[in-house]
Amino acid sequence: MPDAIITLTTDFGEDSPYVAAMKGVILGINSCARLLDLSHQIPPQDVCYAAFFLHSAIPYFPPEALHVVVVDPGVGTERALLYVEVNSHRLLAPDNGCWSMLARSTSPRVVRLADQHYWRPNVSATFHGRDILAPVAGHLSRGLDPSLLGPRVTDWKEIDLPEPVREQNGLRGEVLFVDHFGNLITNIPGETLTAKGHPVRVKVDEVDVSRWVRSYAEAEAGAVIALVSSAGLLEIAINQGNAARELGAGVGTSVHILFPSAQE
């Protein structure tokens, strides 16, 4: 696989030399590798954000791609580094749960990176992305059998995202993710946006969201709207505005939906 696709997802930012160093290591092992930046704007050390990002992006890639993830607040500790195969996708990532949303309904193959033969000779305690994950990615892209990387493991860390709670007259959930536009993605399944064919009432903290739509453009500019996101979850947005800023909301903000019978 000399021209294998290798993607990079980090919290390094666009103006640091760290991503360039990782690319240099990979290309030094496989100069034909196709390197693709998914994002280097993951909020620093925000493993939950990384998990939602990967869950929303990785399923749309061809299975031969290899995804390198460096969002690693535990770098230099005893936490493991892993090679993961899940739903035909391959990842290299720290064992901090950042990939675990991809494995909610399947049994992944997980290998702990242990054989230092595939690492750089000198490993920094603060940059395992460059010194372990990048060289391993380079070797894998040349056809290395993943079983040579280390032992298979059956236990790994998972991110326990909050589930919506059913109440007498509706559901109580919260914001999981705020995108670049300030749209609020919740943990409430999108199909609950309507109940018995009638709109539900949506509240973000104490703010009522009076309109629900199929697309942003169905509402006038500045309207606060509820809709089903591309991830199939209830989303709160302001058409051509920033809901997070204007509603004072963020990750963890409470969101309630009230079913029609409770509104009478």
C-alpha atoms as a PDB file:
ATOM      1  CA  MET A   1       0.000   0.000   0.000  1.00  0.00           C
ATOM      2  CA  PRO A   2       2.652   2.585  -0.968  1.00  0.00           C
ATOM      3  CA  ASP A   3       0.110   5.346  -1.643  1.00  0.00           C
ATOM      4  CA  ALA A   4      -2.061   4.657   1.399  1.00  0.00           C
ATOM      5  CA  ILE A   5      -4.279   7.415   2.782  1.00  0.00           C
ATOM      6  CA  ILE A   6      -3.214   8.573   6.249  1.00  0.00           C
ATOM      7  CA  THR A   7      -5.349  11.185   7.995  1.00  0.00           C
ATOM      8  CA  LEU A   8      -4.279  13.362  10.909  1.00  0.00           C
ATOM      9  CA  THR A   9      -6.512  14.705  13.672  1.00  0.00           C
ATOM     10  CA  THR A  10      -4.895  16.695  16.487  1.00  0.00           C
ATOM     11  CA  ASP A  11      -5.344  19.550  18.941  1.00  0.00           C
ATOM     12  CA  PHE A  12      -2.039  21.121  17.870  1.00  0.00           C
ATOM     13  CA  GLY A  13      -3.462  24.141  16.032  1.00  0.00           C
ATOM     14  CA  GLU A  14      -2.581  25.257  12.523  1.00  0.00           C
ATOM     15  CA  ASP A  15       0.440  27.374  13.463  1.00  0.00           C
ATOM     16  CA  SER A  16       2.600  24.831  15.291  1.00  0.00           C
ATOM     17  CA  PRO A  17       5.499  22.756  13.942  1.00  0.00           C
ATOM     18  CA  TYR A  18       4.138  19.560  15.505  1.00  0.00           C
ATOM     19  CA  VAL A  19       1.944  18.459  12.606  1.00  0.00           C
ATOM     20  CA  ALA A  20       4.769  19.113  10.159  1.00  0.00           C
ATOM     21  CA  ALA A  21       7.108  16.969  12.277  1.00  0.00           C
ATOM     22  CA  MET A  22       4.636  14.065  12.216  1.00  0.00           C
ATOM     23  CA  LYS A  23       4.274  14.353   8.463  1.00  0.00           C
ATOM     24  CA  GLY A  24       8.037  14.338   8.068  1.00  0.00           C
ATOM     25  CA  VAL A  25       8.341  11.123  10.079  1.00  0.00           C
ATOM     26  CA  ILE A  26       5.613   9.393   8.066  1.00  0.00           C
ATOM     27  CA  LEU A  27       7.044  10.465   4.713  1.00  0.00           C
ATOM     28  CA  GLY A  28      10.511   9.399   5.810  1.00  0.00           C
ATOM     29  CA  ILE A  29       9.151   5.850   6.052  1.00  0.00           C
ATOM     30  CA  ASN A  30       6.722   5.978   3.119  1.00  0.00           C
ATOM     31  CA  SER A  31       7.344   8.866   0.745  1.00  0.00           C
ATOM     32  CA  CYS A  32       4.303   7.894  -1.335  1.00  0.00           C
ATOM     33  CA  ALA A  33       1.788   8.126   1.518  1.00  0.00           C
ATOM     34  CA  ARG A  34      -1.152  10.466   0.909  1.00  0.00           C
ATOM     35  CA  LEU A  35      -1.499  12.662   3.978  1.00  0.00           C
ATOM     36  CA  LEU A  36      -4.819  14.326   4.721  1.00  0.00           C
ATOM     37  CA  ASP A  37      -5.493  16.782   7.532  1.00  0.00           C
ATOM     38  CA  LEU A  38      -8.906  16.216   9.094  1.00  0.00           C
ATOM     39  CA  SER A  39      -8.532  18.877  11.773  1.00  0.00           C
ATOM     40  CA  HIS A  40      -5.866  20.398  13.962  1.00  0.00           C
ATOM     41  CA  GLN A  41      -8.395  22.644  15.704  1.00  0.00           C
ATOM     42  CA  ILE A  42      -9.732  20.155  18.247  1.00  0.00           C
ATOM     43  CA  PRO A  43      -9.918  22.161  21.502  1.00  0.00           C
ATOM     44  CA  PRO A  44      -6.805  21.413  23.575  1.00  0.00           C
ATOM     45  CA  GLN A  45      -7.069  18.130  25.520  1.00  0.00           C
ATOM     46  CA  ASP A  46     -10.794  17.880  24.741  1.00  0.00           C
ATOM     47  CA  VAL A  47     -11.197  14.136  24.307  1.00  0.00           C
ATOM     48  CA  CYS A  48     -15.014  14.309  24.197  1.00  0.00           C
ATOM     49  CA  TYR A  49     -14.921  16.830  21.346  1.00  0.00           C
ATOM     50  CA  ALA A  50     -12.466  14.572  19.504  1.00  0.00           C
ATOM     51  CA  ALA A  51     -14.768  11.587  20.027  1.00  0.00           C
ATOM     52  CA  PHE A  52     -17.759  13.372  18.534  1.00  0.00           C
ATOM     53  CA  PHE A  53     -15.622  14.701  15.672  1.00  0.00           C
ATOM     54  CA  LEU A  54     -14.311  11.246  14.768  1.00  0.00           C
ATOM     55  CA  HIS A  55     -17.753   9.671  15.132  1.00  0.00           C
ATOM     56  CA  SER A  56     -19.126  12.220  12.659  1.00  0.00           C
ATOM     57  CA  ALA A  57     -16.277  11.981  10.122  1.00  0.00           C
ATOM     58  CA  ILE A  58     -14.575   8.576  10.032  1.00  0.00           C
ATOM     59  CA  PRO A  59     -17.551   6.502   8.760  1.00  0.00           C
ATOM     60  CA  TYR A  60     -17.445   8.372   5.438  1.00  0.00           C
ATOM     61  CA  PHE A  61     -13.864   7.392   4.606  1.00  0.00           C
ATOM     62  CA  PRO A  62     -12.819   4.382   2.556  1.00  0.00           C
ATOM     63  CA  PRO A  63     -11.827   1.457   4.776  1.00  0.00           C
ATOM     64  CA  GLU A  64      -8.227   1.398   3.553  1.00  0.00           C
ATOM     65  CA  ALA A  65      -7.533   4.805   5.140  1.00  0.00           C
ATOM     66  CA  LEU A  66      -5.508   4.935   8.354  1.00  0.00           C
ATOM     67  CA  HIS A  67      -6.512   7.602  10.882  1.00  0.00           C
ATOM     68  CA  VAL A  68      -3.915   8.986  13.305  1.00  0.00           C
ATOM     69  CA  VAL A  69      -5.416  10.793  16.293  1.00  0.00           C
ATOM     70  CA  VAL A  70      -3.330  12.864  18.700  1.00  0.00           C
ATOM     71  CA  VAL A  71      -5.555  14.404  21.345  1.00  0.00           C
ATOM     72  CA  ASP A  72      -3.631  13.108  24.294  1.00  0.00           C
ATOM     73  CA  PRO A  73      -3.741  14.802  27.711  1.00  0.00           C
ATOM     74  CA  GLY A  74      -2.165  11.648  29.167  1.00  0.00           C
ATOM     75  CA  VAL A  75       0.984  11.765  27.022  1.00  0.00           C
ATOM     76  CA  GLY A  76       4.007  10.494  28.923  1.00  0.00           C
ATOM     77  CA  THR A  77       1.955   8.521  31.448  1.00  0.00           C
ATOM     78  CA  GLU A  78       1.235   4.795  31.550  1.00  0.00           C
ATOM     79  CA  ARG A  79      -1.804   5.133  29.279  1.00  0.00           C
ATOM     80  CA  ALA A  80      -1.545   2.837  26.262  1.00  0.00           C
ATOM     81  CA  LEU A  81      -1.383   3.704  22.585  1.00  0.00           C
ATOM     82  CA  LEU A  82      -3.612   1.593  20.380  1.00  0.00           C
ATOM     83  CA  TYR A  83      -4.149   0.287  16.884  1.00  0.00           C
ATOM     84  CA  VAL A  84      -7.898  -0.148  16.324  1.00  0.00           C
ATOM     85  CA  GLU A  85      -9.976  -1.777  13.602  1.00  0.00           C
ATOM     86  CA  VAL A  86     -13.651  -0.884  13.958  1.00  0.00           C
ATOM     87  CA  ASN A  87     -16.366  -1.227  11.306  1.00  0.00           C
ATOM     88  CA  SER A  88     -13.642  -1.722   8.665  1.00  0.00           C
ATOM     89  CA  HIS A  89     -11.891   1.518   9.674  1.00  0.00           C
ATOM     90  CA  ARG A  90      -8.363   1.705  11.094  1.00  0.00           C
ATOM     91  CA  LEU A  91      -7.106   4.133  13.720  1.00  0.00           C
ATOM     92  CA  LEU A  92      -4.004   4.840  15.767  1.00  0.00           C
ATOM     93  CA  ALA A  93      -4.910   6.678  18.962  1.00  0.00           C
ATOM     94  CA  PRO A  94      -4.277   7.024  22.687  1.00  0.00           C
ATOM     95  CA  ASP A  95      -6.309   4.837  25.001  1.00  0.00           C
ATOM     96  CA  ASN A  96      -8.466   7.681  26.308  1.00  0.00           C
ATOM     97  CA  GLY A  97     -11.811   6.902  24.696  1.00  0.00           C
ATOM     98  CA  CYS A  98     -11.440   9.296  21.755  1.00  0.00           C
ATOM     99  CA  TRP A  99     -12.369   6.534  19.266  1.00  0.00           C
ATOM    100  CA  SER A 100     -14.896   4.648  21.397  1.00  0.00           C
ATOM    101  CA  MET A 101     -18.050   6.237  19.936  1.00  0.00           C
ATOM    102  CA  LEU A 102     -17.236   4.399  16.709  1.00  0.00           C
ATOM    103  CA  ALA A 103     -17.539   1.056  18.504  1.00  0.00           C
ATOM    104  CA  ARG A 104     -20.902   1.420  20.193  1.00  0.00           C
ATOM    105  CA  SER A 105     -22.542  -1.419  18.272  1.00  0.00           C
ATOM    106  CA  THR A 106     -19.621  -3.588  17.256  1.00  0.00           C
ATOM    107  CA  SER A 107     -16.639  -5.470  18.631  1.00  0.00           C
ATOM    108  CA  PRO A 108     -13.392  -3.820  17.506  1.00  0.00           C
ATOM    109  CA  ARG A 109      -9.988  -5.388  17.113  1.00  0.00           C
ATOM    110  CA  VAL A 110      -7.585  -3.543  19.407  1.00  0.00           C
ATOM    111  CA  VAL A 111      -3.811  -3.956  19.602  1.00  0.00           C
ATOM    112  CA  ARG A 112      -1.574  -2.203  22.124  1.00  0.00           C
ATOM    113  CA  LEU A 113       1.502  -0.626  20.563  1.00  0.00           C
ATOM    114  CA  ALA A 114       4.346  -2.357  22.369  1.00  0.00           C
ATOM    115  CA  ASP A 115       7.078  -3.323  19.874  1.00  0.00           C
ATOM    116  CA  GLN A 116       9.528  -0.427  19.929  1.00  0.00           C
ATOM    117  CA  HIS A 117      11.130  -1.651  16.706  1.00  0.00           C
ATOM    118  CA  TYR A 118       8.468   0.402  14.857  1.00  0.00           C
ATOM    119  CA  TRP A 119       8.997   3.571  16.927  1.00  0.00           C
ATOM    120  CA  ARG A 120      11.582   6.289  16.541  1.00  0.00           C
ATOM    121  CA  PRO A 121      14.818   5.485  18.404  1.00  0.00           C
ATOM    122  CA  ASN A 122      14.408   8.345  20.870  1.00  0.00           C
ATOM    123  CA  VAL A 123      10.914   8.828  22.279  1.00  0.00           C
ATOM    124  CA  SER A 124      10.014  12.144  23.889  1.00  0.00           C
ATOM    125  CA  ALA A 125       7.779  11.954  26.950  1.00  0.00           C
ATOM    126  CA  THR A 126       5.756  14.836  25.519  1.00  0.00           C
ATOM    127  CA  PHE A 127       5.413  13.923  21.833  1.00  0.00           C
ATOM    128  CA  HIS A 128       4.267  10.351  21.273  1.00  0.00           C
ATOM    129  CA  GLY A 129       2.442  11.529  18.151  1.00  0.00           C
ATOM    130  CA  ARG A 130       5.764  12.139  16.420  1.00  0.00           C
ATOM    131  CA  ASP A 131       7.827   9.381  17.997  1.00  0.00           C
ATOM    132  CA  ILE A 132       5.370   6.456  18.197  1.00  0.00           C
ATOM    133  CA  LEU A 133       2.123   7.018  16.291  1.00  0.00           C
ATOM    134  CA  ALA A 134       3.662   8.620  13.187  1.00  0.00           C
ATOM    135  CA  PRO A 135       6.333   5.946  12.575  1.00  0.00           C
ATOM    136  CA  VAL A 136       3.835   3.166  13.252  1.00  0.00           C
ATOM    137  CA  ALA A 137       1.500   4.784  10.704  1.00  0.00           C
ATOM    138  CA  GLY A 138       4.327   4.884   8.190  1.00  0.00           C
ATOM    139  CA  HIS A 139       5.092   1.182   8.654  1.00  0.00           C
ATOM    140  CA  LEU A 140       1.418   0.198   8.482  1.00  0.00           C
ATOM    141  CA  SER A 141       1.030   2.182   5.265  1.00  0.00           C
ATOM    142  CA  ARG A 142       3.762   0.001   3.755  1.00  0.00           C
ATOM    143  CA  GLY A 143       1.816  -3.156   4.572  1.00  0.00           C
ATOM    144  CA  LEU A 144       3.026  -4.087   8.051  1.00  0.00           C
ATOM    145  CA  ASP A 145       0.874  -6.752   9.723  1.00  0.00           C
ATOM    146  CA  PRO A 146      -0.779  -5.018  12.727  1.00  0.00           C
ATOM    147  CA  SER A 147      -0.352  -8.166  14.805  1.00  0.00           C
ATOM    148  CA  LEU A 148       3.384  -7.383  14.937  1.00  0.00           C
ATOM    149  CA  LEU A 149       2.767  -4.119  16.798  1.00  0.00           C
ATOM    150  CA  GLY A 150       1.970  -5.745  20.129  1.00  0.00           C
ATOM    151  CA  PRO A 151      -0.598  -7.841  22.004  1.00  0.00           C
ATOM    152  CA  ARG A 152      -4.323  -7.760  21.404  1.00  0.00           C
ATOM    153  CA  VAL A 153      -6.309  -6.263  24.250  1.00  0.00           C
ATOM    154  CA  THR A 154      -9.931  -6.634  25.284  1.00  0.00           C
ATOM    155  CA  ASP A 155     -10.192  -3.731  27.692  1.00  0.00           C
ATOM    156  CA  TRP A 156      -9.931  -0.055  26.811  1.00  0.00           C
ATOM    157  CA  LYS A 157     -11.269   3.262  27.999  1.00  0.00           C
ATOM    158  CA  GLU A 158     -14.636   4.456  26.737  1.00  0.00           C
ATOM    159  CA  ILE A 159     -16.279   7.834  26.833  1.00  0.00           C
ATOM    160  CA  ASP A 160     -19.608   7.688  28.601  1.00  0.00           C
ATOM    161  CA  LEU A 161     -21.611  10.386  26.892  1.00  0.00           C
ATOM    162  CA  PRO A 162     -24.755  11.420  28.753  1.00  0.00           C
ATOM    163  CA  GLU A 163     -28.009   9.863  27.611  1.00  0.00           C
ATOM    164  CA  PRO A 164     -31.285  11.822  27.509  1.00  0.00           C
ATOM    165  CA  VAL A 165     -33.555  11.193  30.471  1.00  0.00           C
ATOM    166  CA  ARG A 166     -37.241  10.502  29.940  1.00  0.00           C
ATOM    167  CA  GLU A 167     -39.514  12.600  32.112  1.00  0.00           C
ATOM    168  CA  GLN A 168     -43.263  12.468  32.599  1.00  0.00           C
ATOM    169  CA  ASN A 169     -44.009  14.917  29.805  1.00  0.00           C
ATOM    170  CA  GLY A 170     -40.904  14.803  27.655  1.00  0.00           C
ATOM    171  CA  LEU A 171     -37.157  14.333  27.589  1.00  0.00           C
ATOM    172  CA  ARG A 172     -34.291  16.120  29.284  1.00  0.00           C
ATOM    173  CA  GLY A 173     -30.990  16.163  27.453  1.00  0.00           C
ATOM    174  CA  GLU A 174     -28.021  18.444  26.980  1.00  0.00           C
ATOM    175  CA  VAL A 175     -25.710  19.973  24.399  1.00  0.00           C
ATOM    176  CA  LEU A 176     -22.956  17.570  23.331  1.00  0.00           C
ATOM    177  CA  PHE A 177     -21.175  19.618  20.706  1.00  0.00           C
ATOM    178  CA  VAL A 178     -20.971  23.180  19.424  1.00  0.00           C
ATOM    179  CA  ASP A 179     -19.914  23.474  15.800  1.00  0.00           C
ATOM    180  CA  HIS A 180     -18.055  26.280  14.023  1.00  0.00           C
ATOM    181  CA  PHE A 181     -21.332  28.123  13.336  1.00  0.00           C
ATOM    182  CA  GLY A 182     -22.407  28.056  16.979  1.00  0.00           C
ATOM    183  CA  ASN A 183     -25.067  25.420  16.324  1.00  0.00           C
ATOM    184  CA  LEU A 184     -25.911  23.334  19.392  1.00  0.00           C
ATOM    185  CA  ILE A 185     -25.916  19.573  18.778  1.00  0.00           C
ATOM    186  CA  THR A 186     -27.711  17.722  21.572  1.00  0.00           C
ATOM    187  CA  ASN A 187     -27.844  14.124  22.746  1.00  0.00           C
ATOM    188  CA  ILE A 188     -31.574  13.889  21.940  1.00  0.00           C
ATOM    189  CA  PRO A 189     -32.440  11.670  18.951  1.00  0.00           C
ATOM    190  CA  GLY A 190     -33.835  13.673  16.065  1.00  0.00           C
ATOM    191  CA  GLU A 191     -36.978  11.583  15.708  1.00  0.00           C
ATOM    192  CA  THR A 192     -38.243  13.034  18.979  1.00  0.00           C
ATOM    193  CA  LEU A 193     -38.491  16.450  17.346  1.00  0.00           C
ATOM    194  CA  THR A 194     -42.056  15.582  16.468  1.00  0.00           C
ATOM    195  CA  ALA A 195     -44.477  13.557  18.546  1.00  0.00           C
ATOM    196  CA  LYS A 196     -47.759  12.218  17.241  1.00  0.00           C
ATOM    197  CA  GLY A 197     -47.323  14.308  14.131  1.00  0.00           C
ATOM    198  CA  HIS A 198     -47.234  17.608  16.021  1.00  0.00           C
ATOM    199  CA  PRO A 199     -44.265  19.829  16.900  1.00  0.00           C
ATOM    200  CA  VAL A 200     -42.800  19.442  20.343  1.00  0.00           C
ATOM    201  CA  ARG A 201     -41.861  22.364  22.512  1.00  0.00           C
ATOM    202  CA  VAL A 202     -38.106  22.799  22.858  1.00  0.00           C
ATOM    203  CA  LYS A 203     -36.338  24.725  25.605  1.00  0.00           C
ATOM    204  CA  VAL A 204     -32.628  25.537  25.907  1.00  0.00           C
ATOM    205  CA  ASP A 205     -32.230  26.254  29.605  1.00  0.00           C
ATOM    206  CA  GLU A 206     -35.155  28.665  30.034  1.00  0.00           C
ATOM    207  CA  VAL A 207     -35.278  29.869  26.416  1.00  0.00           C
ATOM    208  CA  ASP A 208     -38.193  28.609  24.324  1.00  0.00           C
ATOM    209  CA  VAL A 209     -37.452  27.540  20.766  1.00  0.00           C
ATOM    210  CA  SER A 210     -40.694  28.140  18.964  1.00  0.00           C
ATOM    211  CA  ARG A 211     -39.895  26.908  15.456  1.00  0.00           C
ATOM    212  CA  TRP A 212     -38.788  23.615  14.043  1.00  0.00           C
ATOM    213  CA  VAL A 213     -37.699  23.242  10.421  1.00  0.00           C
ATOM    214  CA  ARG A 214     -36.136  20.775   8.003  1.00  0.00           C
ATOM    215  CA  SER A 215     -33.420  23.155   6.851  1.00  0.00           C
ATOM    216  CA  TYR A 216     -31.948  26.457   8.012  1.00  0.00           C
ATOM    217  CA  ALA A 217     -33.258  28.385   5.015  1.00  0.00           C
ATOM    218  CA  GLU A 218     -36.883  27.626   5.931  1.00  0.00           C
ATOM    219  CA  ALA A 219     -36.602  30.281   8.632  1.00  0.00           C
ATOM    220  CA  GLU A 220     -35.861  33.966   8.342  1.00  0.00           C
ATOM    221  CA  ALA A 221     -32.442  35.262   9.334  1.00  0.00           C
ATOM    222  CA  GLY A 222     -32.110  35.538  13.099  1.00  0.00           C
ATOM    223  CA  ALA A 223     -34.809  32.987  13.916  1.00  0.00           C
ATOM    224  CA  VAL A 224     -34.095  30.474  16.690  1.00  0.00           C
ATOM    225  CA  ILE A 225     -34.901  27.042  15.266  1.00  0.00           C
ATOM    226  CA  ALA A 226     -34.862  23.354  16.102  1.00  0.00           C
ATOM    227  CA  LEU A 227     -34.075  20.759  13.446  1.00  0.00           C
ATOM    228  CA  VAL A 228     -32.548  17.338  12.943  1.00  0.00           C
ATOM    229  CA  SER A 229     -28.791  17.609  12.448  1.00  0.00           C
ATOM    230  CA  SER A 230     -26.840  15.702   9.818  1.00  0.00           C
ATOM    231  CA  ALA A 231     -25.824  13.354  12.653  1.00  0.00           C
ATOM    232  CA  GLY A 232     -29.496  12.550  13.322  1.00  0.00           C
ATOM    233  CA  LEU A 233     -29.631  14.494  16.590  1.00  0.00           C
ATOM    234  CA  LEU A 234     -31.734  17.406  17.765  1.00  0.00           C
ATOM    235  CA  GLU A 235     -29.965  20.647  16.878  1.00  0.00           C
ATOM    236  CA  ILE A 236     -30.678  24.185  18.036  1.00  0.00           C
ATOM    237  CA  ALA A 237     -29.549  26.914  15.671  1.00  0.00           C
ATOM    238  CA  ILE A 238     -30.066  30.533  14.739  1.00  0.00           C
ATOM    239  CA  ASN A 239     -30.374  30.992  11.003  1.00  0.00           C
ATOM    240  CA  GLN A 240     -27.365  33.045   9.889  1.00  0.00           C
ATOM    241  CA  GLY A 241     -26.497  33.582  13.545  1.00  0.00           C
ATOM    242  CA  ASN A 242     -24.625  31.955  16.415  1.00  0.00           C
ATOM    243  CA  ALA A 243     -26.891  30.095  18.825  1.00  0.00           C
ATOM    244  CA  ALA A 244     -24.146  29.348  21.339  1.00  0.00           C
ATOM    245  CA  ARG A 245     -23.253  33.016  21.692  1.00  0.00           C
ATOM    246  CA  GLU A 246     -26.726  34.498  21.490  1.00  0.00           C
ATOM    247  CA  LEU A 247     -28.328  31.946  23.819  1.00  0.00           C
ATOM    248  CA  GLY A 248     -25.365  31.807  26.177  1.00  0.00           C
ATOM    249  CA  ALA A 249     -25.221  28.033  25.706  1.00  0.00           C
ATOM    250  CA  GLY A 250     -22.429  25.495  25.400  1.00  0.00           C
ATOM    251  CA  VAL A 251     -21.514  21.889  26.003  1.00  0.00           C
ATOM    252  CA  GLY A 252     -23.539  20.637  28.961  1.00  0.00           C
ATOM    253  CA  THR A 253     -26.332  23.214  28.654  1.00  0.00           C
ATOM    254  CA  SER A 254     -29.674  21.642  29.517  1.00  0.00           C
ATOM    255  CA  VAL A 255     -32.187  21.029  26.712  1.00  0.00           C
ATOM    256  CA  HIS A 256     -35.782  19.933  27.316  1.00  0.00           C
ATOM    257  CA  ILE A 257     -38.449  18.811  24.919  1.00  0.00           C
ATOM    258  CA  LEU A 258     -42.082  18.791  25.972  1.00  0.00           C
ATOM    259  CA  PHE A 259     -44.494  16.507  24.161  1.00  0.00           C
ATOM    260  CA  PRO A 260     -47.782  17.931  22.794  1.00  0.00           C
ATOM    261  CA  SER A 261     -50.018  16.415  25.464  1.00  0.00           C
ATOM    262  CA  ALA A 262     -48.065  18.296  28.107  1.00  0.00           C
ATOM    263  CA  GLN A 263     -48.571  21.635  26.405  1.00  0.00           C
ATOM    264  CA  GLU A 264     -52.307  21.749  26.669  1.00  0.00           C
END
